[in-house]
Amino acid sequence: MALTLFHFIGGSLGALAVFLLVNRLSGATGFSAPFGVIFVGIACAALSHFLSPWATPVIIALYALASFAELYQERKARKEWESRQEQK
C-alpha cells in the first residue's frame, strides 16, 4: 500500500510540474485548480499497482507529450491569428 501511495504522490507531483511548466510557457497569467493532476496521480497509483511500477513515468511522459502538443497548437494558432491581423 505504501508503494501505491508513493506512485500517487510521485505521479501527482510530476503532473503538477508539467502543468506549471506548460502554463508558464504559454504565458497564462492565471489558472484554476488543475484537477487533471489528481486524475493523473490516481491513474499512476492504480496502474503501478495492477500493471507495473514503470506505468508512472510512462503516464507522466504521455501527459507531458499531450500538454506540449497542445502548447504547440496554441502557439501556432496564435501566430496565424496575429499574421491575419497584420494583413488587415
Protein backbone atom coordinates (compact mmCIF):
# COMPACT_ATOMS: atom_id res chain seq x y z
CA MET A 1 0.00 0.00 0.00
CA ALA A 2 2.89 2.36 0.70
CA LEU A 3 4.20 1.83 -2.82
CA THR A 4 0.81 2.79 -4.26
CA LEU A 5 0.81 5.97 -2.19
CA PHE A 6 4.34 6.69 -3.39
CA HIS A 7 3.22 6.39 -7.04
CA PHE A 8 0.17 8.57 -6.39
CA ILE A 9 2.29 11.33 -4.86
CA GLY A 10 5.03 10.97 -7.47
CA GLY A 11 2.53 10.99 -10.33
CA SER A 12 0.69 13.98 -8.90
CA LEU A 13 3.88 15.97 -8.36
CA GLY A 14 5.19 15.06 -11.81
CA ALA A 15 1.92 16.07 -13.45
CA LEU A 16 1.88 19.29 -11.42
CA ALA A 17 5.40 20.12 -12.60
CA VAL A 18 4.40 19.52 -16.23
CA PHE A 19 1.23 21.58 -15.79
CA LEU A 20 3.09 24.52 -14.24
CA LEU A 21 5.84 24.42 -16.87
CA VAL A 22 3.39 24.38 -19.78
CA ASN A 23 1.30 27.06 -18.12
CA ARG A 24 4.38 29.24 -17.69
CA LEU A 25 5.50 28.70 -21.28
CA SER A 26 2.04 29.55 -22.60
CA GLY A 27 2.17 32.94 -20.91
CA ALA A 28 -1.05 32.46 -18.97
CA THR A 29 -1.48 34.96 -16.18
CA GLY A 30 -3.87 32.86 -14.12
CA PHE A 31 -5.46 29.45 -13.96
CA SER A 32 -7.94 27.46 -11.96
CA ALA A 33 -7.12 24.44 -9.83
CA PRO A 34 -5.57 21.72 -12.03
CA PHE A 35 -7.84 18.77 -11.22
CA GLY A 36 -6.21 16.79 -14.03
CA VAL A 37 -3.18 16.45 -11.76
CA ILE A 38 -5.24 14.41 -9.29
CA PHE A 39 -6.55 12.18 -12.07
CA VAL A 40 -3.02 11.55 -13.31
CA GLY A 41 -1.96 10.69 -9.75
CA ILE A 42 -4.83 8.22 -9.39
CA ALA A 43 -4.01 6.65 -12.74
CA CYS A 44 -0.35 6.33 -11.76
CA ALA A 45 -1.24 4.69 -8.45
CA ALA A 46 -3.74 2.25 -9.96
CA LEU A 47 -1.65 1.24 -12.95
CA SER A 48 1.54 0.91 -10.92
CA HIS A 49 -0.28 -1.40 -8.53
CA PHE A 50 -2.03 -3.58 -11.10
CA LEU A 51 0.26 -3.34 -14.12
CA SER A 52 3.85 -2.28 -13.48
CA PRO A 53 5.77 0.32 -11.48
CA TRP A 54 7.01 1.65 -14.82
CA ALA A 55 3.50 2.90 -15.54
CA THR A 56 4.10 6.08 -13.52
CA PRO A 57 6.91 7.52 -15.69
CA VAL A 58 5.09 6.41 -18.84
CA ILE A 59 1.89 8.19 -17.77
CA ILE A 60 3.79 11.36 -16.86
CA ALA A 61 5.61 11.25 -20.20
CA LEU A 62 2.31 10.85 -22.08
CA TYR A 63 0.80 13.73 -20.09
CA ALA A 64 3.81 15.90 -20.91
CA LEU A 65 3.63 14.94 -24.59
CA ALA A 66 -0.06 15.84 -24.77
CA SER A 67 0.49 19.10 -22.88
CA PHE A 68 3.36 20.22 -25.10
CA ALA A 69 1.42 19.26 -28.23
CA GLU A 70 -1.43 21.46 -27.03
CA LEU A 71 1.02 24.27 -26.32
CA TYR A 72 2.46 23.92 -29.84
CA GLN A 73 -1.02 24.06 -31.40
CA GLU A 74 -1.91 27.10 -29.32
CA ARG A 75 1.25 28.96 -30.35
CA LYS A 76 0.72 28.03 -34.00
CA ALA A 77 -2.89 29.28 -33.92
CA ARG A 78 -1.84 32.47 -32.15
CA LYS A 79 0.86 33.11 -34.76
CA GLU A 80 -1.62 32.57 -37.61
CA TRP A 81 -4.15 34.87 -35.96
CA GLU A 82 -1.54 37.60 -35.49
CA SER A 83 -0.43 37.33 -39.10
CA ARG A 84 -4.05 37.68 -40.27
CA GLN A 85 -4.47 40.75 -38.05
CA GLU A 86 -1.37 42.36 -39.57
CA GLN A 87 -2.72 41.81 -43.10
CA LYS A 88 -5.94 43.71 -42.39
